[in-house]
Amino acid sequence: MEFHWSTSAAYGKRQDYIPRSFAEADYMINFAILKSHDSGGITVCGKNHYGSLLRNPNGTLGGQKYDYYDMHTSLPVNRRGMGHYRALVDLMGHPELGGKTVLYLVDGLFAGRNWDSRPVKWNMAPFYGDWPSSVFVSQDPVAIDSVCYDFLRTEWNDYPHYDGADDYLHEAALADNPPSGTFYDPGQDGVGLASLGAHEHWNNSSSKQYSRNLGMEVGIELTSPGPADLNGDGNVDSELRASTPSPADGAMIGQAIAVLSWAPGHKAVEHDVFFGTNFDDVNNVDLFDDTGMYRGRWIEASYATEELDLYKTYYWRIDEINDLEADSPWKGDVWSFTVADHVAVELKVASSEDDAYAADSRLQNLDADYLKVGSSSSTNPRCYLSGMVFNDLNISQGAEIVSAHLKIRSYNSRLTDTVYGTIEAEAADDADAFGSFRHIGSLPMTITSVDWILEEPWSADMWYESSDIAGVIQEVVDRAGWSAGNSLTLLFSTSSEGDYRNFSSFDHHSDWSR
């Protein structure tokens, strides 16, 4: 069975073929492993097809090099950015490969970093230094890779952050009209591919919600089968122990007195608190401790410490208690935090759905290379409003904000006009990503605002820093529902008539909004 690439780079190359075992199969199950990749950004179900042809991706067959199309040339390490031809789309859409696949599975029980990795424990929630212990299942090849991408990008700060690592997902979801303009036709039957599935990013890494989770009729829905008895002892293992620590494990905090809190195990009625300055000591201490590490048994799932020393790391453990249960107590993990006189936090916009600009009360643009701020002569209201969502702020509720600034990078046009800008935040405990269900112009705004008047001309592709917006951030983190790990939206609008300027969005460059 012939296989054809939908790119002129493959013209004149040796013909590719699908193995007979695939061509004669009635159906396929694509079972990948959850890993990042130093060339592809990520490697899950889509890139699993790099083993679906007779030869190797680099053109070798039986140890000999042939003039096949080199599939590596379309990976993001070699072709950065969005809107490019991606060979993965041809593989995912061929009728004898993706067309026969009835189920997609990703093994995340012991996931790793890079294609040749050993298993590595994960730090992101809800794993907190443990194995990810997850299996992903879907019948949508684009949706499952999109969800895995979000997990991998949150856990690792390198390969999944390649500019263009998720471009194949954009191309596959829009295969009938892709941003690259490619006519994807791997079967060479003259009929281009239809959309291969749903692609989007979650609202944030804390709640991990997609469009269907948020009440939309289309898009991705991430669900879990719920707690399970993994060891056969009749107990639901995943919820017996304390979880979701606050401060988050490994956090830096700016308060001398820490208020510890956690999500209780579902059978717990009381909680033993252990607290100290040495990991091993806190991990091994028991109720008979006479050193002061055992802080007593509490009914509430919170504990306030004494005044702590600056620049010192503290460790804590929660054992869940129910004297009516034979297997109580349930020993908890050891978590840590460090006390500082102030904590510096720098965050970037993390996805295309996390920034947008509104041109009027009905329309907003999520995909442009730029955001706009300033007055408009053709919209109603007569101004542009840009929004930027920053996820996973490691700032505790009520923390004092000493200073804060918005840094934006100028675009390559509309750089000189005067703008009477105003920066506010969304008055929300935990902000969501933008989308058709969340319009910038409809968001409640903070009472506090800070003017940023732009009079001096900008140079293209240069960083510019706002006035101090500490008061804006302070109003949000002072909200009763705010907690460390939540997300915050900044809104850049206009206070009076002037003109407008453009600045770079995530879609222009994923490292240029912070």
Protein backbone atom coordinates (compact mmCIF):
# COMPACT_ATOMS: atom_id res chain seq x y z
CA MET A 1 0.00 0.00 0.00
CA GLU A 2 1.52 3.33 -1.11
CA PHE A 3 1.88 6.26 1.25
CA HIS A 4 2.15 9.83 -0.05
CA TRP A 5 3.37 13.00 1.62
CA SER A 6 1.45 16.24 1.13
CA THR A 7 4.53 18.42 0.69
CA SER A 8 6.64 19.46 -2.28
CA ALA A 9 9.72 18.50 -0.23
CA ALA A 10 8.81 14.85 -0.94
CA TYR A 11 8.64 15.28 -4.74
CA GLY A 12 11.10 12.96 -6.48
CA LYS A 13 11.80 11.01 -3.31
CA ARG A 14 11.65 7.23 -3.01
CA GLN A 15 8.09 5.90 -2.72
CA ASP A 16 6.91 5.08 0.81
CA TYR A 17 4.82 2.02 1.65
CA ILE A 18 2.67 0.94 4.55
CA PRO A 19 3.54 -2.53 5.90
CA ARG A 20 1.24 -5.34 4.77
CA SER A 21 0.31 -6.14 8.36
CA PHE A 22 -1.21 -2.65 8.67
CA ALA A 23 -2.84 -2.68 5.25
CA GLU A 24 -4.50 -6.04 5.87
CA ALA A 25 -5.61 -5.27 9.42
CA ASP A 26 -9.30 -4.72 10.12
CA TYR A 27 -8.60 -2.21 12.87
CA MET A 28 -5.76 -0.78 14.95
CA ILE A 29 -5.18 0.34 18.53
CA ASN A 30 -2.57 3.08 18.93
CA PHE A 31 -0.81 2.62 22.29
CA ALA A 32 1.83 5.26 23.01
CA ILE A 33 3.96 6.24 26.02
CA LEU A 34 3.73 9.67 27.67
CA LYS A 35 7.07 11.35 26.96
CA SER A 36 8.57 14.63 25.83
CA HIS A 37 10.91 14.65 22.83
CA ASP A 38 14.02 16.66 22.00
CA SER A 39 13.00 17.04 18.34
CA GLY A 40 9.21 16.80 18.37
CA GLY A 41 8.46 18.53 21.65
CA ILE A 42 6.24 15.63 22.67
CA THR A 43 5.88 12.05 21.47
CA VAL A 44 2.52 10.38 22.01
CA CYS A 45 -0.06 8.88 19.64
CA GLY A 46 0.69 11.10 16.66
CA LYS A 47 4.43 10.52 16.67
CA ASN A 48 3.87 6.84 17.44
CA HIS A 49 3.23 6.57 13.68
CA TYR A 50 6.90 7.27 12.97
CA GLY A 51 7.16 3.49 13.21
CA SER A 52 4.25 2.85 10.86
CA LEU A 53 6.16 2.76 7.56
CA LEU A 54 8.53 0.17 6.13
CA ARG A 55 11.60 2.35 6.71
CA ASN A 56 12.97 4.51 9.51
CA PRO A 57 11.97 8.19 9.75
CA ASN A 58 15.43 9.38 8.63
CA GLY A 59 15.31 7.27 5.45
CA THR A 60 17.26 4.17 6.45
CA LEU A 61 16.03 0.65 5.72
CA GLY A 62 17.87 -2.48 6.73
CA GLY A 63 20.85 -0.39 7.82
CA GLN A 64 21.18 1.33 4.43
CA LYS A 65 20.34 4.96 3.65
CA TYR A 66 17.83 5.62 0.84
CA ASP A 67 16.46 8.81 -0.65
CA TYR A 68 13.19 8.79 1.25
CA TYR A 69 11.53 11.97 2.46
CA ASP A 70 13.10 12.79 5.85
CA MET A 71 10.19 13.05 8.28
CA HIS A 72 12.37 14.81 10.84
CA THR A 73 12.46 17.99 8.72
CA SER A 74 8.89 18.85 9.70
CA LEU A 75 9.43 18.50 13.45
CA PRO A 76 9.50 21.73 15.47
CA VAL A 77 13.21 21.47 16.32
CA ASN A 78 13.83 22.02 12.59
CA ARG A 79 10.75 24.08 11.73
CA ARG A 80 9.81 26.42 14.55
CA GLY A 81 6.56 28.34 14.75
CA MET A 82 2.97 27.72 13.81
CA GLY A 83 1.22 27.23 10.48
CA HIS A 84 3.62 24.81 8.79
CA TYR A 85 3.21 21.49 7.01
CA ARG A 86 3.54 18.66 9.55
CA ALA A 87 4.20 15.09 8.43
CA LEU A 88 2.37 13.78 11.48
CA VAL A 89 -0.94 14.93 9.98
CA ASP A 90 -0.44 12.73 6.91
CA LEU A 91 0.34 9.75 9.16
CA MET A 92 -2.61 10.41 11.47
CA GLY A 93 -4.98 10.82 8.53
CA HIS A 94 -3.99 8.02 6.15
CA PRO A 95 -6.96 5.65 5.68
CA GLU A 96 -4.79 2.59 6.43
CA LEU A 97 -3.30 4.09 9.61
CA GLY A 98 -5.35 6.65 11.49
CA GLY A 99 -8.35 5.71 9.39
CA LYS A 100 -8.33 2.19 10.88
CA THR A 101 -7.59 3.19 14.46
CA VAL A 102 -10.51 2.58 16.80
CA LEU A 103 -8.84 3.41 20.12
CA TYR A 104 -5.99 5.59 21.34
CA LEU A 105 -4.16 4.84 24.60
CA VAL A 106 -1.26 6.62 26.29
CA ASP A 107 0.68 4.88 29.04
CA GLY A 108 1.54 7.44 31.70
CA LEU A 109 2.14 5.02 34.56
CA PHE A 110 5.88 5.75 34.55
CA ALA A 111 6.21 8.66 32.13
CA GLY A 112 9.54 10.14 31.21
CA ARG A 113 11.51 12.99 29.72
CA ASN A 114 12.74 12.68 26.12
CA TRP A 115 12.36 9.75 23.73
CA ASP A 116 15.01 7.52 25.37
CA SER A 117 14.21 8.45 28.95
CA ARG A 118 14.10 6.47 32.12
CA PRO A 119 10.92 6.90 34.20
CA VAL A 120 10.91 10.10 36.25
CA LYS A 121 8.63 11.11 39.11
CA TRP A 122 6.50 14.17 38.39
CA ASN A 123 6.21 17.35 40.46
CA MET A 124 3.03 18.93 39.07
CA ALA A 125 -0.35 18.54 40.75
CA PRO A 126 -1.79 16.06 41.51
CA PHE A 127 1.40 13.92 41.52
CA TYR A 128 3.58 16.01 43.88
CA GLY A 129 6.83 14.12 43.51
CA ASP A 130 5.27 10.72 42.78
CA TRP A 131 4.78 8.64 39.64
CA PRO A 132 2.09 10.02 37.32
CA SER A 133 0.31 6.62 37.49
CA SER A 134 -2.05 7.56 34.65
CA VAL A 135 -3.52 6.02 31.52
CA PHE A 136 -5.19 8.23 28.90
CA VAL A 137 -7.92 6.78 26.67
CA SER A 138 -9.78 8.36 23.75
CA GLN A 139 -11.20 7.69 20.33
CA ASP A 140 -10.06 11.13 19.17
CA PRO A 141 -6.38 11.20 18.09
CA VAL A 142 -6.11 14.98 18.31
CA ALA A 143 -7.85 15.34 21.67
CA ILE A 144 -5.71 12.72 23.43
CA ASP A 145 -2.47 14.27 22.18
CA SER A 146 -3.76 17.75 23.14
CA VAL A 147 -4.40 16.64 26.72
CA CYS A 148 -1.04 14.86 26.93
CA TYR A 149 0.64 17.98 25.57
CA ASP A 150 -0.86 20.07 28.38
CA PHE A 151 0.41 17.62 31.01
CA LEU A 152 3.88 17.39 29.45
CA ARG A 153 4.19 21.14 28.96
CA THR A 154 3.23 21.77 32.59
CA GLU A 155 5.71 19.21 33.94
CA TRP A 156 8.71 19.98 31.72
CA ASN A 157 10.08 23.43 30.93
CA ASP A 158 12.09 22.52 27.84
CA TYR A 159 11.09 20.37 24.84
CA PRO A 160 7.27 20.71 25.05
CA HIS A 161 7.80 24.50 25.06
CA TYR A 162 9.28 24.47 21.55
CA ASP A 163 7.61 27.11 19.41
CA GLY A 164 5.44 24.86 17.24
CA ALA A 165 5.35 21.76 19.44
CA ASP A 166 1.55 21.70 19.15
CA ASP A 167 1.40 22.92 15.54
CA TYR A 168 0.60 19.42 14.27
CA LEU A 169 -2.47 19.44 16.51
CA HIS A 170 -3.66 22.74 15.03
CA GLU A 171 -3.05 21.36 11.53
CA ALA A 172 -4.81 18.06 12.29
CA ALA A 173 -7.85 19.67 13.91
CA LEU A 174 -8.18 21.99 10.90
CA ALA A 175 -6.96 19.48 8.31
CA ASP A 176 -9.71 20.49 5.87
CA ASN A 177 -8.49 24.11 6.00
CA PRO A 178 -5.19 24.15 7.93
CA PRO A 179 -3.29 27.32 8.85
CA SER A 180 -0.39 26.19 6.64
CA GLY A 181 -2.62 26.02 3.55
CA THR A 182 -1.49 22.40 2.96
CA PHE A 183 -3.81 20.10 1.02
CA TYR A 184 -3.40 16.99 3.15
CA ASP A 185 -4.07 13.95 0.94
CA PRO A 186 -1.87 11.04 2.13
CA GLY A 187 -3.98 8.50 0.25
CA GLN A 188 -3.62 10.56 -2.93
CA ASP A 189 -7.24 10.01 -3.84
CA GLY A 190 -7.86 13.67 -4.60
CA VAL A 191 -10.00 14.09 -1.50
CA GLY A 192 -8.38 16.11 1.24
CA LEU A 193 -8.56 15.15 4.89
CA ALA A 194 -11.42 16.30 7.05
CA SER A 195 -10.76 17.48 10.60
CA LEU A 196 -9.05 14.69 12.53
CA GLY A 197 -10.37 15.73 15.94
CA ALA A 198 -10.68 18.41 18.61
CA HIS A 199 -7.75 20.54 19.69
CA GLU A 200 -7.63 23.03 22.55
CA HIS A 201 -5.68 23.64 25.77
CA TRP A 202 -7.04 23.42 29.29
CA ASN A 203 -8.04 26.54 31.17
CA ASN A 204 -5.23 26.10 33.70
CA SER A 205 -3.09 23.36 35.20
CA SER A 206 -4.95 23.43 38.51
CA SER A 207 -8.51 22.66 37.43
CA LYS A 208 -7.55 21.09 34.06
CA GLN A 209 -10.86 21.88 32.39
CA TYR A 210 -11.68 21.96 28.71
CA SER A 211 -14.67 23.30 26.78
CA ARG A 212 -17.02 20.41 27.55
CA ASN A 213 -16.01 20.49 31.22
CA LEU A 214 -17.09 24.13 31.20
CA GLY A 215 -20.52 23.49 29.68
CA MET A 216 -19.84 23.86 25.96
CA GLU A 217 -21.36 21.40 23.49
CA VAL A 218 -18.15 20.95 21.49
CA GLY A 219 -14.51 20.49 22.33
CA ILE A 220 -12.61 18.23 24.73
CA GLU A 221 -13.84 16.82 28.01
CA LEU A 222 -11.26 15.45 30.45
CA THR A 223 -12.81 12.98 32.87
CA SER A 224 -11.56 10.42 35.36
CA PRO A 225 -13.16 7.09 36.26
CA GLY A 226 -12.81 8.16 39.88
CA PRO A 227 -11.00 6.61 42.83
CA ALA A 228 -10.05 2.97 42.64
CA ASP A 229 -9.01 0.15 44.93
CA LEU A 230 -5.62 -0.50 43.37
CA ASN A 231 -4.26 -3.03 45.85
CA GLY A 232 -7.44 -5.03 46.43
CA ASP A 233 -7.77 -4.26 50.14
CA GLY A 234 -11.24 -2.79 49.78
CA ASN A 235 -10.10 0.82 50.25
CA VAL A 236 -10.11 3.59 47.69
CA ASP A 237 -6.39 4.26 47.62
CA SER A 238 -6.28 7.57 45.77
CA GLU A 239 -8.32 9.49 48.37
CA LEU A 240 -7.28 7.98 51.67
CA ARG A 241 -4.26 10.23 52.16
CA ALA A 242 -4.11 14.00 52.50
CA SER A 243 -3.48 15.79 49.22
CA THR A 244 -3.35 19.22 47.55
CA PRO A 245 -1.07 20.95 50.08
CA SER A 246 -1.11 24.69 50.61
CA PRO A 247 1.50 26.14 50.45
CA ALA A 248 2.19 23.98 47.42
CA ASP A 249 5.03 21.51 47.78
CA GLY A 250 8.33 23.32 47.20
CA ALA A 251 6.73 26.78 47.38
CA MET A 252 8.43 30.00 48.46
CA ILE A 253 6.27 32.01 50.86
CA GLY A 254 6.60 35.57 52.05
CA GLN A 255 4.82 35.20 55.41
CA ALA A 256 6.61 34.54 58.71
CA ILE A 257 3.58 32.57 59.94
CA ALA A 258 2.35 29.87 57.58
CA VAL A 259 -1.20 28.56 57.53
CA LEU A 260 -0.98 24.96 56.33
CA SER A 261 -4.02 23.40 54.69
CA TRP A 262 -4.77 20.29 52.65
CA ALA A 263 -7.52 18.23 51.07
CA PRO A 264 -8.48 15.53 53.63
CA GLY A 265 -8.56 11.86 52.81
CA HIS A 266 -12.18 10.79 52.29
CA LYS A 267 -12.28 8.59 55.43
CA ALA A 268 -10.38 10.97 57.70
CA VAL A 269 -12.09 12.50 60.73
CA GLU A 270 -8.93 13.85 62.35
CA HIS A 271 -5.43 14.81 61.23
CA ASP A 272 -2.03 14.31 62.85
CA VAL A 273 0.31 17.17 61.99
CA PHE A 274 4.10 16.77 61.87
CA PHE A 275 6.34 19.78 61.24
CA GLY A 276 10.11 20.31 61.24
CA THR A 277 13.23 21.37 59.37
CA ASN A 278 14.59 18.01 58.17
CA PHE A 279 12.95 15.83 55.53
CA ASP A 280 14.03 12.47 57.00
CA ASP A 281 13.06 13.45 60.53
CA VAL A 282 9.56 14.52 59.47
CA ASN A 283 9.17 11.45 57.31
CA ASN A 284 10.09 9.08 60.14
CA VAL A 285 8.61 10.80 63.20
CA ASP A 286 5.65 9.20 65.02
CA LEU A 287 3.17 10.06 67.78
CA PHE A 288 5.73 9.37 70.51
CA ASP A 289 7.99 12.19 69.32
CA ASP A 290 9.28 14.42 72.12
CA THR A 291 11.25 16.87 69.93
CA GLY A 292 8.33 19.12 69.03
CA MET A 293 7.78 17.83 65.51
CA TYR A 294 4.46 16.25 66.39
CA ARG A 295 2.00 19.16 66.50
CA GLY A 296 -1.06 17.29 67.69
CA ARG A 297 -4.29 15.85 66.34
CA TRP A 298 -6.68 18.31 64.70
CA ILE A 299 -10.26 18.19 63.45
CA GLU A 300 -9.91 21.02 60.93
CA ALA A 301 -7.78 20.46 57.82
CA SER A 302 -5.54 23.40 58.62
CA TYR A 303 -2.77 24.34 61.02
CA ALA A 304 -1.10 27.70 61.73
CA THR A 305 2.60 27.57 62.54
CA GLU A 306 4.55 29.72 64.93
CA GLU A 307 6.61 32.60 63.54
CA LEU A 308 9.21 31.05 61.25
CA ASP A 309 12.79 31.96 60.34
CA LEU A 310 13.57 33.68 57.06
CA TYR A 311 15.47 31.75 54.39
CA LYS A 312 14.79 28.40 56.03
CA THR A 313 13.05 25.39 54.48
CA TYR A 314 10.36 23.63 56.51
CA TYR A 315 8.87 20.16 56.03
CA TRP A 316 5.43 18.91 57.03
CA ARG A 317 3.38 15.74 56.92
CA ILE A 318 -0.29 14.98 57.53
CA ASP A 319 -1.40 11.52 58.66
CA GLU A 320 -5.13 10.93 58.24
CA ILE A 321 -6.95 9.38 61.21
CA ASN A 322 -10.17 7.45 61.69
CA ASP A 323 -10.12 5.22 64.78
CA LEU A 324 -13.08 3.21 63.45
CA GLU A 325 -11.05 2.03 60.45
CA ALA A 326 -8.64 -0.86 60.99
CA ASP A 327 -6.08 0.47 58.50
CA SER A 328 -5.94 3.97 60.01
CA PRO A 329 -3.71 5.99 60.16
CA TRP A 330 -2.90 6.75 56.52
CA LYS A 331 0.59 8.19 56.44
CA GLY A 332 0.99 11.23 54.21
CA ASP A 333 3.70 12.52 51.92
CA VAL A 334 6.28 14.98 53.20
CA TRP A 335 5.82 18.46 51.72
CA SER A 336 8.07 21.49 52.00
CA PHE A 337 8.15 25.27 51.66
CA THR A 338 10.77 27.96 52.16
CA VAL A 339 10.27 31.30 53.95
CA ALA A 340 11.64 34.42 52.28
CA ASP A 341 11.29 38.13 52.98
CA HIS A 342 9.88 38.42 49.47
CA VAL A 343 9.29 36.04 46.61
CA ALA A 344 10.01 36.93 42.99
CA VAL A 345 7.54 35.37 40.57
CA GLU A 346 7.80 35.68 36.78
CA LEU A 347 5.08 34.18 34.62
CA LYS A 348 4.42 33.96 30.90
CA VAL A 349 1.25 33.51 28.90
CA ALA A 350 1.22 29.77 28.35
CA SER A 351 -1.08 29.13 25.38
CA SER A 352 -2.92 30.71 22.48
CA GLU A 353 -6.17 30.62 24.45
CA ASP A 354 -4.59 32.63 27.28
CA ASP A 355 -4.39 35.91 25.41
CA ALA A 356 -6.79 37.74 23.13
CA TYR A 357 -7.94 41.17 22.09
CA ALA A 358 -11.48 42.39 21.58
CA ALA A 359 -12.32 44.72 18.72
CA ASP A 360 -15.88 45.35 19.88
CA SER A 361 -18.48 44.02 22.28
CA ARG A 362 -19.08 40.87 20.20
CA LEU A 363 -15.81 39.84 18.57
CA GLN A 364 -12.48 38.81 20.00
CA ASN A 365 -9.37 37.41 18.35
CA LEU A 366 -7.51 34.48 19.92
CA ASP A 367 -5.19 33.66 17.04
CA ALA A 368 -3.59 36.90 15.84
CA ASP A 369 0.17 37.43 16.09
CA TYR A 370 -0.47 40.63 18.02
CA LEU A 371 -2.68 42.16 20.69
CA LYS A 372 -4.03 45.71 20.47
CA VAL A 373 -4.46 48.50 23.00
CA GLY A 374 -5.80 51.99 22.45
CA SER A 375 -8.61 53.81 20.71
CA SER A 376 -10.43 52.60 17.64
CA SER A 377 -12.42 54.65 15.16
CA SER A 378 -14.50 51.74 13.90
CA THR A 379 -15.57 49.70 16.92
CA ASN A 380 -18.17 49.92 19.65
CA PRO A 381 -17.01 50.63 22.28
CA ARG A 382 -14.38 52.81 20.61
CA CYS A 383 -11.33 51.05 22.05
CA TYR A 384 -9.35 47.85 21.91
CA LEU A 385 -9.17 45.67 25.01
CA SER A 386 -6.47 43.01 25.41
CA GLY A 387 -6.45 40.28 28.02
CA MET A 388 -3.68 37.98 29.24
CA VAL A 389 -4.16 34.99 31.55
CA PHE A 390 -1.28 33.98 33.79
CA ASN A 391 -1.58 30.49 35.26
CA ASP A 392 -0.32 28.81 38.42
CA LEU A 393 0.66 31.87 40.47
CA ASN A 394 2.62 30.63 43.45
CA ILE A 395 1.29 33.43 45.66
CA SER A 396 -0.64 32.66 48.84
CA GLN A 397 -3.95 34.27 49.66
CA GLY A 398 -3.39 37.65 51.31
CA ALA A 399 0.35 37.80 50.55
CA GLU A 400 1.74 41.33 50.37
CA ILE A 401 2.55 42.35 46.81
CA VAL A 402 5.60 44.62 47.01
CA SER A 403 5.82 45.42 43.31
CA ALA A 404 4.50 44.03 40.02
CA HIS A 405 4.88 44.93 36.37
CA LEU A 406 3.46 43.81 33.05
CA LYS A 407 6.15 43.25 30.41
CA ILE A 408 5.11 43.22 26.77
CA ARG A 409 7.14 42.94 23.59
CA SER A 410 6.40 45.32 20.76
CA TYR A 411 5.13 44.01 17.45
CA ASN A 412 6.59 45.15 14.11
CA SER A 413 3.83 47.65 13.28
CA ARG A 414 1.79 50.40 14.97
CA LEU A 415 4.59 51.42 17.35
CA THR A 416 4.46 55.21 17.62
CA ASP A 417 0.94 56.45 18.38
CA THR A 418 0.02 57.81 21.79
CA VAL A 419 -2.06 55.44 23.91
CA TYR A 420 -3.69 56.36 27.22
CA GLY A 421 -3.57 52.84 28.60
CA THR A 422 -5.08 51.42 31.76
CA ILE A 423 -4.23 48.08 33.40
CA GLU A 424 -6.79 46.25 35.54
CA ALA A 425 -7.35 42.62 36.48
CA GLU A 426 -10.35 40.37 36.28
CA ALA A 427 -12.16 40.37 39.62
CA ALA A 428 -12.15 36.59 39.94
CA ASP A 429 -10.73 34.01 42.33
CA ASP A 430 -9.33 31.77 39.59
CA ALA A 431 -9.33 32.94 35.97
CA ASP A 432 -10.16 30.74 32.98
CA ALA A 433 -8.72 30.80 29.48
CA PHE A 434 -10.50 32.84 26.83
CA GLY A 435 -12.81 31.36 24.23
CA SER A 436 -16.25 31.73 22.73
CA PHE A 437 -17.77 31.35 26.18
CA ARG A 438 -15.54 33.99 27.81
CA HIS A 439 -15.41 37.40 26.16
CA ILE A 440 -12.89 39.93 27.46
CA GLY A 441 -15.40 42.75 27.39
CA SER A 442 -17.81 40.93 29.70
CA LEU A 443 -15.32 40.24 32.52
CA PRO A 444 -15.76 41.93 35.91
CA MET A 445 -12.79 44.18 36.61
CA THR A 446 -10.95 45.15 39.77
CA ILE A 447 -11.69 48.45 41.43
CA THR A 448 -7.96 49.18 41.36
CA SER A 449 -6.42 50.25 38.06
CA VAL A 450 -3.08 51.73 36.99
CA ASP A 451 -2.52 54.05 34.03
CA TRP A 452 0.23 53.25 31.54
CA ILE A 453 0.49 56.10 29.06
CA LEU A 454 2.52 55.27 25.95
CA GLU A 455 3.98 58.42 24.37
CA GLU A 456 7.56 57.53 23.46
CA PRO A 457 7.85 55.58 20.20
CA TRP A 458 8.62 51.89 20.44
CA SER A 459 11.18 49.92 18.47
CA ALA A 460 10.05 46.65 16.94
CA ASP A 461 10.58 43.45 18.93
CA MET A 462 11.71 45.12 22.14
CA TRP A 463 10.55 44.60 25.74
CA TYR A 464 8.62 47.38 27.49
CA GLU A 465 7.61 47.39 31.16
CA SER A 466 4.51 48.95 32.66
CA SER A 467 4.12 51.16 35.68
CA ASP A 468 3.93 49.35 39.03
CA ILE A 469 0.65 47.40 39.17
CA ALA A 470 1.12 45.94 42.66
CA GLY A 471 -2.22 47.36 43.79
CA VAL A 472 -4.07 45.60 40.98
CA ILE A 473 -2.53 42.24 41.85
CA GLN A 474 -3.04 42.85 45.57
CA GLU A 475 -6.79 43.25 45.10
CA VAL A 476 -6.99 39.82 43.46
CA VAL A 477 -4.83 37.87 45.91
CA ASP A 478 -6.71 39.46 48.80
CA ARG A 479 -9.94 37.84 47.61
CA ALA A 480 -11.28 35.20 50.00
CA GLY A 481 -11.36 32.57 47.26
CA TRP A 482 -7.81 33.13 46.05
CA SER A 483 -5.19 30.46 46.77
CA ALA A 484 -1.69 29.63 45.57
CA GLY A 485 -1.78 27.95 42.16
CA ASN A 486 -4.74 29.97 40.90
CA SER A 487 -4.75 31.94 37.65
CA LEU A 488 -5.09 35.69 37.09
CA THR A 489 -6.19 37.76 34.09
CA LEU A 490 -4.69 41.18 33.36
CA LEU A 491 -6.72 43.55 31.18
CA PHE A 492 -5.03 46.30 29.18
CA SER A 493 -7.52 48.89 27.97
CA THR A 494 -7.82 52.62 27.29
CA SER A 495 -8.73 55.51 29.60
CA SER A 496 -9.28 58.24 26.98
CA GLU A 497 -9.12 59.04 23.28
CA GLY A 498 -5.84 58.55 21.50
CA ASP A 499 -4.61 55.97 19.00
CA TYR A 500 -3.56 52.33 19.30
CA ARG A 501 -0.45 50.14 19.32
CA ASN A 502 0.26 46.47 18.68
CA PHE A 503 2.25 44.15 20.91
CA SER A 504 3.20 40.52 20.41
CA SER A 505 0.88 37.68 21.40
CA PHE A 506 1.60 34.06 22.31
CA ASP A 507 0.80 33.13 18.69
CA HIS A 508 3.61 35.38 17.46
CA HIS A 509 6.13 34.00 19.92
CA SER A 510 5.34 31.86 22.96
CA ASP A 511 8.03 33.55 25.10
CA TRP A 512 6.90 37.14 24.57
CA SER A 513 4.17 37.84 27.15
CA ARG A 514 5.02 37.97 30.84
